[in-house]
Structure formats: C-alpha cells, structure tokens
Amino acid sequence: MSRDPGHPTTVDELAELRRCLDVGLTRMDGQHALLAQRGEQTEHELTDLVERVAALEHLRWPLPAVTVLSAVGALSLAVWQALGH
C-alpha cells in the first residue's frame, strides 16, 4: 500500500470507514427485512381479499334469475289487480 505524504492513511480512518460500511449494510438489511415483511403481509391480505370476493360471488344472485322473479311478481300483481282484489 503506497502512502501519499499529503494524505496519510491511518488505522483510525480505516476503522471509521469500516464502521460506516457496517452501519450502512445493517441499515440496508433492516430495510430489506421490513420490505420483505410488508410484502408477505400484503400477499396475505390479498389472499384474504380474493377469498372474500369469491365467497361474495358465490352468494350473489345471477341477473337473469332476478329478472324472472321480478317479472313473475309483476305478472302476479297485475293478475291479482285485474281480478278485482
């Protein structure tokens, strides 16, 4: 390792650089872990949401069935009124 007389490298400077690198890597590891946790949480919430939507779709009435029921109700009301009740 060559030393420049104007900028001598000391053990303290190298230790400070290593400490800064360790702190930066630790911070990045923490951020990565947080992002991974948030990703897993979002995936779990999305799975729950998909299950809820599927359950709602299973319970809903199809539009043609609602139309037929409305038509039968209107027809029976018209017949009832026509018979004078």
PDB file of N, CA and C in Angstrom:
ATOM      1  N   MET A   1       0.836  -1.155   0.000  1.00  0.00           N
ATOM      2  CA  MET A   1       0.000   0.000   0.000  1.00  0.00           C
ATOM      3  C   MET A   1       0.890   1.228   0.000  1.00  0.00           C
ATOM      4  N   SER A   2       0.713   2.096  -0.990  1.00  0.00           N
ATOM      5  CA  SER A   2       1.549   3.286  -1.052  1.00  0.00           C
ATOM      6  C   SER A   2       0.894   4.402  -0.264  1.00  0.00           C
ATOM      7  N   ARG A   3       1.720   5.169   0.381  1.00  0.00           N
ATOM      8  CA  ARG A   3       1.215   6.275   1.178  1.00  0.00           C
ATOM      9  C   ARG A   3       1.566   7.579   0.490  1.00  0.00           C
ATOM     10  N   ASP A   4       0.565   8.410   0.380  1.00  0.00           N
ATOM     11  CA  ASP A   4       0.773   9.748  -0.151  1.00  0.00           C
ATOM     12  C   ASP A   4       1.139  10.638   1.023  1.00  0.00           C
ATOM     13  N   PRO A   5       2.228  11.368   0.931  1.00  0.00           N
ATOM     14  CA  PRO A   5       2.651  12.166   2.080  1.00  0.00           C
ATOM     15  C   PRO A   5       1.603  13.224   2.473  1.00  0.00           C
ATOM     16  N   GLY A   6       0.789  13.682   1.520  1.00  0.00           N
ATOM     17  CA  GLY A   6      -0.211  14.685   1.844  1.00  0.00           C
ATOM     18  C   GLY A   6      -1.437  14.091   2.505  1.00  0.00           C
ATOM     19  N   HIS A   7      -1.692  12.799   2.303  1.00  0.00           N
ATOM     20  CA  HIS A   7      -2.874  12.125   2.847  1.00  0.00           C
ATOM     21  C   HIS A   7      -2.482  10.792   3.480  1.00  0.00           C
ATOM     22  N   PRO A   8      -1.925  10.841   4.632  1.00  0.00           N
ATOM     23  CA  PRO A   8      -1.558   9.571   5.269  1.00  0.00           C
ATOM     24  C   PRO A   8      -2.809   8.802   5.715  1.00  0.00           C
ATOM     25  N   THR A   9      -2.815   7.506   5.431  1.00  0.00           N
ATOM     26  CA  THR A   9      -3.925   6.650   5.829  1.00  0.00           C
ATOM     27  C   THR A   9      -3.602   6.073   7.201  1.00  0.00           C
ATOM     28  N   THR A  10      -4.503   6.292   8.102  1.00  0.00           N
ATOM     29  CA  THR A  10      -4.270   5.786   9.450  1.00  0.00           C
ATOM     30  C   THR A  10      -5.224   4.638   9.743  1.00  0.00           C
ATOM     31  N   VAL A  11      -4.909   3.935  10.746  1.00  0.00           N
ATOM     32  CA  VAL A  11      -5.740   2.829  11.184  1.00  0.00           C
ATOM     33  C   VAL A  11      -7.095   3.351  11.635  1.00  0.00           C
ATOM     34  N   ASP A  12      -7.125   4.518  12.245  1.00  0.00           N
ATOM     35  CA  ASP A  12      -8.377   5.101  12.706  1.00  0.00           C
ATOM     36  C   ASP A  12      -9.311   5.422  11.537  1.00  0.00           C
ATOM     37  N   GLU A  13      -8.757   5.933  10.454  1.00  0.00           N
ATOM     38  CA  GLU A  13      -9.576   6.250   9.282  1.00  0.00           C
ATOM     39  C   GLU A  13     -10.146   4.972   8.666  1.00  0.00           C
ATOM     40  N   LEU A  14      -9.331   3.942   8.593  1.00  0.00           N
ATOM     41  CA  LEU A  14      -9.813   2.670   8.064  1.00  0.00           C
ATOM     42  C   LEU A  14     -10.898   2.075   8.967  1.00  0.00           C
ATOM     43  N   ALA A  15     -10.708   2.198  10.262  1.00  0.00           N
ATOM     44  CA  ALA A  15     -11.718   1.696  11.193  1.00  0.00           C
ATOM     45  C   ALA A  15     -13.014   2.487  11.040  1.00  0.00           C
ATOM     46  N   GLU A  16     -12.917   3.792  10.840  1.00  0.00           N
ATOM     47  CA  GLU A  16     -14.114   4.628  10.646  1.00  0.00           C
ATOM     48  C   GLU A  16     -14.830   4.243   9.351  1.00  0.00           C
ATOM     49  N   LEU A  17     -14.077   4.006   8.280  1.00  0.00           N
ATOM     50  CA  LEU A  17     -14.680   3.575   7.023  1.00  0.00           C
ATOM     51  C   LEU A  17     -15.377   2.222   7.186  1.00  0.00           C
ATOM     52  N   ARG A  18     -14.736   1.308   7.911  1.00  0.00           N
ATOM     53  CA  ARG A  18     -15.354   0.007   8.127  1.00  0.00           C
ATOM     54  C   ARG A  18     -16.632   0.139   8.954  1.00  0.00           C
ATOM     55  N   ARG A  19     -16.613   0.995   9.970  1.00  0.00           N
ATOM     56  CA  ARG A  19     -17.793   1.210  10.793  1.00  0.00           C
ATOM     57  C   ARG A  19     -18.928   1.793   9.960  1.00  0.00           C
ATOM     58  N   CYS A  20     -18.621   2.759   9.111  1.00  0.00           N
ATOM     59  CA  CYS A  20     -19.641   3.348   8.240  1.00  0.00           C
ATOM     60  C   CYS A  20     -20.224   2.301   7.294  1.00  0.00           C
ATOM     61  N   LEU A  21     -19.376   1.458   6.764  1.00  0.00           N
ATOM     62  CA  LEU A  21     -19.833   0.388   5.878  1.00  0.00           C
ATOM     63  C   LEU A  21     -20.714  -0.601   6.629  1.00  0.00           C
ATOM     64  N   ASP A  22     -20.307  -0.978   7.831  1.00  0.00           N
ATOM     65  CA  ASP A  22     -21.120  -1.902   8.633  1.00  0.00           C
ATOM     66  C   ASP A  22     -22.474  -1.298   8.979  1.00  0.00           C
ATOM     67  N   VAL A  23     -22.483  -0.015   9.345  1.00  0.00           N
ATOM     68  CA  VAL A  23     -23.748   0.649   9.679  1.00  0.00           C
ATOM     69  C   VAL A  23     -24.647   0.712   8.447  1.00  0.00           C
ATOM     70  N   GLY A  24     -24.074   1.048   7.304  1.00  0.00           N
ATOM     71  CA  GLY A  24     -24.860   1.116   6.067  1.00  0.00           C
ATOM     72  C   GLY A  24     -25.436  -0.235   5.676  1.00  0.00           C
ATOM     73  N   LEU A  25     -24.626  -1.282   5.783  1.00  0.00           N
ATOM     74  CA  LEU A  25     -25.107  -2.624   5.452  1.00  0.00           C
ATOM     75  C   LEU A  25     -26.185  -3.085   6.430  1.00  0.00           C
ATOM     76  N   THR A  26     -26.012  -2.755   7.701  1.00  0.00           N
ATOM     77  CA  THR A  26     -27.026  -3.115   8.697  1.00  0.00           C
ATOM     78  C   THR A  26     -28.333  -2.391   8.408  1.00  0.00           C
ATOM     79  N   ARG A  27     -28.243  -1.125   8.051  1.00  0.00           N
ATOM     80  CA  ARG A  27     -29.444  -0.351   7.714  1.00  0.00           C
ATOM     81  C   ARG A  27     -30.130  -0.940   6.478  1.00  0.00           C
ATOM     82  N   MET A  28     -29.351  -1.305   5.481  1.00  0.00           N
ATOM     83  CA  MET A  28     -29.930  -1.901   4.275  1.00  0.00           C
ATOM     84  C   MET A  28     -30.565  -3.255   4.581  1.00  0.00           C
ATOM     85  N   ASP A  29     -29.935  -4.048   5.432  1.00  0.00           N
ATOM     86  CA  ASP A  29     -30.514  -5.331   5.828  1.00  0.00           C
ATOM     87  C   ASP A  29     -31.844  -5.124   6.545  1.00  0.00           C
ATOM     88  N   GLY A  30     -31.901  -4.127   7.424  1.00  0.00           N
ATOM     89  CA  GLY A  30     -33.140  -3.824   8.133  1.00  0.00           C
ATOM     90  C   GLY A  30     -34.239  -3.383   7.188  1.00  0.00           C
ATOM     91  N   GLN A  31     -33.888  -2.530   6.230  1.00  0.00           N
ATOM     92  CA  GLN A  31     -34.880  -2.078   5.252  1.00  0.00           C
ATOM     93  C   GLN A  31     -35.349  -3.237   4.382  1.00  0.00           C
ATOM     94  N   HIS A  32     -34.444  -4.105   4.020  1.00  0.00           N
ATOM     95  CA  HIS A  32     -34.809  -5.275   3.214  1.00  0.00           C
ATOM     96  C   HIS A  32     -35.750  -6.177   3.990  1.00  0.00           C
ATOM     97  N   ALA A  33     -35.455  -6.406   5.268  1.00  0.00           N
ATOM     98  CA  ALA A  33     -36.320  -7.254   6.096  1.00  0.00           C
ATOM     99  C   ALA A  33     -37.701  -6.625   6.241  1.00  0.00           C
ATOM    100  N   LEU A  34     -37.756  -5.303   6.411  1.00  0.00           N
ATOM    101  CA  LEU A  34     -39.036  -4.611   6.532  1.00  0.00           C
ATOM    102  C   LEU A  34     -39.841  -4.721   5.240  1.00  0.00           C
ATOM    103  N   LEU A  35     -39.180  -4.541   4.107  1.00  0.00           N
ATOM    104  CA  LEU A  35     -39.876  -4.679   2.826  1.00  0.00           C
ATOM    105  C   LEU A  35     -40.364  -6.107   2.605  1.00  0.00           C
ATOM    106  N   ALA A  36     -39.578  -7.073   2.999  1.00  0.00           N
ATOM    107  CA  ALA A  36     -39.995  -8.474   2.858  1.00  0.00           C
ATOM    108  C   ALA A  36     -41.208  -8.755   3.741  1.00  0.00           C
ATOM    109  N   GLN A  37     -41.197  -8.224   4.965  1.00  0.00           N
ATOM    110  CA  GLN A  37     -42.329  -8.420   5.869  1.00  0.00           C
ATOM    111  C   GLN A  37     -43.583  -7.752   5.309  1.00  0.00           C
ATOM    112  N   ARG A  38     -43.439  -6.541   4.797  1.00  0.00           N
ATOM    113  CA  ARG A  38     -44.585  -5.845   4.208  1.00  0.00           C
ATOM    114  C   ARG A  38     -45.102  -6.587   2.978  1.00  0.00           C
ATOM    115  N   GLY A  39     -44.217  -7.143   2.190  1.00  0.00           N
ATOM    116  CA  GLY A  39     -44.627  -7.915   1.022  1.00  0.00           C
ATOM    117  C   GLY A  39     -45.420  -9.152   1.421  1.00  0.00           C
ATOM    118  N   GLU A  40     -44.945  -9.847   2.451  1.00  0.00           N
ATOM    119  CA  GLU A  40     -45.668 -11.025   2.927  1.00  0.00           C
ATOM    120  C   GLU A  40     -47.028 -10.636   3.495  1.00  0.00           C
ATOM    121  N   GLN A  41     -47.074  -9.523   4.224  1.00  0.00           N
ATOM    122  CA  GLN A  41     -48.336  -9.058   4.794  1.00  0.00           C
ATOM    123  C   GLN A  41     -49.315  -8.673   3.687  1.00  0.00           C
ATOM    124  N   THR A  42     -48.828  -7.988   2.671  1.00  0.00           N
ATOM    125  CA  THR A  42     -49.678  -7.606   1.553  1.00  0.00           C
ATOM    126  C   THR A  42     -50.176  -8.832   0.803  1.00  0.00           C
ATOM    127  N   GLU A  43     -49.316  -9.815   0.634  1.00  0.00           N
ATOM    128  CA  GLU A  43     -49.721 -11.050  -0.039  1.00  0.00           C
ATOM    129  C   GLU A  43     -50.807 -11.773   0.761  1.00  0.00           C
ATOM    130  N   HIS A  44     -50.663 -11.796   2.084  1.00  0.00           N
ATOM    131  CA  HIS A  44     -51.666 -12.430   2.941  1.00  0.00           C
ATOM    132  C   HIS A  44     -52.998 -11.674   2.850  1.00  0.00           C
ATOM    133  N   GLU A  45     -52.946 -10.341   2.893  1.00  0.00           N
ATOM    134  CA  GLU A  45     -54.174  -9.549   2.784  1.00  0.00           C
ATOM    135  C   GLU A  45     -54.839  -9.753   1.421  1.00  0.00           C
ATOM    136  N   LEU A  46     -54.042  -9.839   0.372  1.00  0.00           N
ATOM    137  CA  LEU A  46     -54.578 -10.060  -0.966  1.00  0.00           C
ATOM    138  C   LEU A  46     -55.251 -11.431  -1.066  1.00  0.00           C
ATOM    139  N   THR A  47     -54.633 -12.429  -0.471  1.00  0.00           N
ATOM    140  CA  THR A  47     -55.231 -13.764  -0.472  1.00  0.00           C
ATOM    141  C   THR A  47     -56.565 -13.758   0.259  1.00  0.00           C
ATOM    142  N   ASP A  48     -56.612 -13.085   1.417  1.00  0.00           N
ATOM    143  CA  ASP A  48     -57.873 -12.975   2.157  1.00  0.00           C
ATOM    144  C   ASP A  48     -58.930 -12.247   1.342  1.00  0.00           C
ATOM    145  N   LEU A  49     -58.529 -11.197   0.663  1.00  0.00           N
ATOM    146  CA  LEU A  49     -59.469 -10.421  -0.146  1.00  0.00           C
ATOM    147  C   LEU A  49     -60.019 -11.249  -1.304  1.00  0.00           C
ATOM    148  N   VAL A  50     -59.168 -12.027  -1.945  1.00  0.00           N
ATOM    149  CA  VAL A  50     -59.610 -12.885  -3.044  1.00  0.00           C
ATOM    150  C   VAL A  50     -60.610 -13.919  -2.537  1.00  0.00           C
ATOM    151  N   GLU A  51     -60.350 -14.472  -1.355  1.00  0.00           N
ATOM    152  CA  GLU A  51     -61.289 -15.446  -0.776  1.00  0.00           C
ATOM    153  C   GLU A  51     -62.630 -14.788  -0.465  1.00  0.00           C
ATOM    154  N   ARG A  52     -62.607 -13.561   0.070  1.00  0.00           N
ATOM    155  CA  ARG A  52     -63.855 -12.859   0.386  1.00  0.00           C
ATOM    156  C   ARG A  52     -64.642 -12.542  -0.880  1.00  0.00           C
ATOM    157  N   VAL A  53     -63.969 -12.107  -1.928  1.00  0.00           N
ATOM    158  CA  VAL A  53     -64.650 -11.797  -3.186  1.00  0.00           C
ATOM    159  C   VAL A  53     -65.242 -13.067  -3.791  1.00  0.00           C
ATOM    160  N   ALA A  54     -64.509 -14.152  -3.725  1.00  0.00           N
ATOM    161  CA  ALA A  54     -65.026 -15.420  -4.254  1.00  0.00           C
ATOM    162  C   ALA A  54     -66.271 -15.854  -3.483  1.00  0.00           C
ATOM    163  N   ALA A  55     -66.267 -15.671  -2.163  1.00  0.00           N
ATOM    164  CA  ALA A  55     -67.443 -16.030  -1.364  1.00  0.00           C
ATOM    165  C   ALA A  55     -68.630 -15.144  -1.724  1.00  0.00           C
ATOM    166  N   LEU A  56     -68.383 -13.853  -1.915  1.00  0.00           N
ATOM    167  CA  LEU A  56     -69.470 -12.947  -2.309  1.00  0.00           C
ATOM    168  C   LEU A  56     -70.012 -13.291  -3.689  1.00  0.00           C
ATOM    169  N   GLU A  57     -69.149 -13.632  -4.613  1.00  0.00           N
ATOM    170  CA  GLU A  57     -69.599 -14.005  -5.952  1.00  0.00           C
ATOM    171  C   GLU A  57     -70.415 -15.295  -5.912  1.00  0.00           C
ATOM    172  N   HIS A  58     -70.058 -16.183  -5.016  1.00  0.00           N
ATOM    173  CA  HIS A  58     -70.786 -17.446  -4.910  1.00  0.00           C
ATOM    174  C   HIS A  58     -72.210 -17.216  -4.376  1.00  0.00           C
ATOM    175  N   LEU A  59     -72.369 -16.225  -3.502  1.00  0.00           N
ATOM    176  CA  LEU A  59     -73.665 -15.975  -2.875  1.00  0.00           C
ATOM    177  C   LEU A  59     -74.578 -15.042  -3.670  1.00  0.00           C
ATOM    178  N   ARG A  60     -74.041 -14.360  -4.651  1.00  0.00           N
ATOM    179  CA  ARG A  60     -74.874 -13.393  -5.374  1.00  0.00           C
ATOM    180  C   ARG A  60     -75.843 -14.105  -6.316  1.00  0.00           C
ATOM    181  N   TRP A  61     -76.939 -13.423  -6.570  1.00  0.00           N
ATOM    182  CA  TRP A  61     -77.945 -13.972  -7.479  1.00  0.00           C
ATOM    183  C   TRP A  61     -77.589 -13.573  -8.894  1.00  0.00           C
ATOM    184  N   PRO A  62     -77.733 -14.477  -9.835  1.00  0.00           N
ATOM    185  CA  PRO A  62     -77.489 -14.106 -11.233  1.00  0.00           C
ATOM    186  C   PRO A  62     -78.596 -13.163 -11.716  1.00  0.00           C
ATOM    187  N   LEU A  63     -78.238 -12.241 -12.558  1.00  0.00           N
ATOM    188  CA  LEU A  63     -79.168 -11.225 -13.047  1.00  0.00           C
ATOM    189  C   LEU A  63     -80.387 -11.820 -13.752  1.00  0.00           C
ATOM    190  N   PRO A  64     -80.268 -12.854 -14.590  1.00  0.00           N
ATOM    191  CA  PRO A  64     -81.475 -13.423 -15.211  1.00  0.00           C
ATOM    192  C   PRO A  64     -82.469 -13.963 -14.184  1.00  0.00           C
ATOM    193  N   ALA A  65     -81.992 -14.541 -13.097  1.00  0.00           N
ATOM    194  CA  ALA A  65     -82.900 -15.062 -12.076  1.00  0.00           C
ATOM    195  C   ALA A  65     -83.655 -13.917 -11.401  1.00  0.00           C
ATOM    196  N   VAL A  66     -82.977 -12.822 -11.134  1.00  0.00           N
ATOM    197  CA  VAL A  66     -83.635 -11.659 -10.537  1.00  0.00           C
ATOM    198  C   VAL A  66     -84.667 -11.093 -11.506  1.00  0.00           C
ATOM    199  N   THR A  67     -84.356 -11.060 -12.774  1.00  0.00           N
ATOM    200  CA  THR A  67     -85.288 -10.560 -13.785  1.00  0.00           C
ATOM    201  C   THR A  67     -86.541 -11.426 -13.847  1.00  0.00           C
ATOM    202  N   VAL A  68     -86.363 -12.737 -13.835  1.00  0.00           N
ATOM    203  CA  VAL A  68     -87.503 -13.653 -13.889  1.00  0.00           C
ATOM    204  C   VAL A  68     -88.368 -13.487 -12.643  1.00  0.00           C
ATOM    205  N   LEU A  69     -87.763 -13.391 -11.469  1.00  0.00           N
ATOM    206  CA  LEU A  69     -88.533 -13.207 -10.235  1.00  0.00           C
ATOM    207  C   LEU A  69     -89.308 -11.896 -10.251  1.00  0.00           C
ATOM    208  N   SER A  70     -88.687 -10.832 -10.754  1.00  0.00           N
ATOM    209  CA  SER A  70     -89.375  -9.537 -10.844  1.00  0.00           C
ATOM    210  C   SER A  70     -90.544  -9.620 -11.823  1.00  0.00           C
ATOM    211  N   ALA A  71     -90.340 -10.277 -12.936  1.00  0.00           N
ATOM    212  CA  ALA A  71     -91.399 -10.402 -13.940  1.00  0.00           C
ATOM    213  C   ALA A  71     -92.566 -11.229 -13.400  1.00  0.00           C
ATOM    214  N   VAL A  72     -92.271 -12.318 -12.722  1.00  0.00           N
ATOM    215  CA  VAL A  72     -93.325 -13.156 -12.147  1.00  0.00           C
ATOM    216  C   VAL A  72     -94.078 -12.381 -11.080  1.00  0.00           C
ATOM    217  N   GLY A  73     -93.387 -11.617 -10.264  1.00  0.00           N
ATOM    218  CA  GLY A  73     -94.041 -10.797  -9.246  1.00  0.00           C
ATOM    219  C   GLY A  73     -94.936  -9.743  -9.858  1.00  0.00           C
ATOM    220  N   ALA A  74     -94.452  -9.067 -10.898  1.00  0.00           N
ATOM    221  CA  ALA A  74     -95.259  -8.045 -11.572  1.00  0.00           C
ATOM    222  C   ALA A  74     -96.476  -8.674 -12.248  1.00  0.00           C
ATOM    223  N   LEU A  75     -96.291  -9.826 -12.871  1.00  0.00           N
ATOM    224  CA  LEU A  75     -97.398 -10.510 -13.525  1.00  0.00           C
ATOM    225  C   LEU A  75     -98.452 -10.946 -12.511  1.00  0.00           C
ATOM    226  N   SER A  76     -98.004 -11.508 -11.408  1.00  0.00           N
ATOM    227  CA  SER A  76     -98.978 -11.953 -10.386  1.00  0.00           C
ATOM    228  C   SER A  76     -99.696 -10.751  -9.781  1.00  0.00           C
ATOM    229  N   LEU A  77     -99.042  -9.640  -9.595  1.00  0.00           N
ATOM    230  CA  LEU A  77     -99.704  -8.433  -9.086  1.00  0.00           C
ATOM    231  C   LEU A  77    -100.711  -7.902 -10.091  1.00  0.00           C
ATOM    232  N   ALA A  78    -100.379  -7.930 -11.353  1.00  0.00           N
ATOM    233  CA  ALA A  78    -101.308  -7.460 -12.396  1.00  0.00           C
ATOM    234  C   ALA A  78    -102.533  -8.364 -12.473  1.00  0.00           C
ATOM    235  N   VAL A  79    -102.314  -9.675 -12.392  1.00  0.00           N
ATOM    236  CA  VAL A  79    -103.453 -10.601 -12.418  1.00  0.00           C
ATOM    237  C   VAL A  79    -104.333 -10.394 -11.189  1.00  0.00           C
ATOM    238  N   TRP A  80    -103.739 -10.221 -10.045  1.00  0.00           N
ATOM    239  CA  TRP A  80    -104.479 -10.018  -8.804  1.00  0.00           C
ATOM    240  C   TRP A  80    -105.333  -8.747  -8.877  1.00  0.00           C
ATOM    241  N   GLN A  81    -104.744  -7.674  -9.422  1.00  0.00           N
ATOM    242  CA  GLN A  81    -105.489  -6.421  -9.566  1.00  0.00           C
ATOM    243  C   GLN A  81    -106.594  -6.550 -10.627  1.00  0.00           C
ATOM    244  N   ALA A  82    -106.319  -7.302 -11.693  1.00  0.00           N
ATOM    245  CA  ALA A  82    -107.308  -7.480 -12.761  1.00  0.00           C
ATOM    246  C   ALA A  82    -108.513  -8.268 -12.279  1.00  0.00           C
ATOM    247  N   LEU A  83    -108.304  -9.157 -11.338  1.00  0.00           N
ATOM    248  CA  LEU A  83    -109.408  -9.964 -10.814  1.00  0.00           C
ATOM    249  C   LEU A  83    -110.249  -9.165  -9.803  1.00  0.00           C
ATOM    250  N   GLY A  84    -109.831  -7.966  -9.485  1.00  0.00           N
ATOM    251  CA  GLY A  84    -110.635  -7.071  -8.654  1.00  0.00           C
ATOM    252  C   GLY A  84    -110.309  -7.123  -7.182  1.00  0.00           C
ATOM    253  N   HIS A  85    -109.201  -7.599  -6.810  1.00  0.00           N
ATOM    254  CA  HIS A  85    -108.870  -7.646  -5.374  1.00  0.00           C
ATOM    255  C   HIS A  85    -108.118  -6.431  -4.990  1.00  0.00           C
TER     256      HIS A  85
END
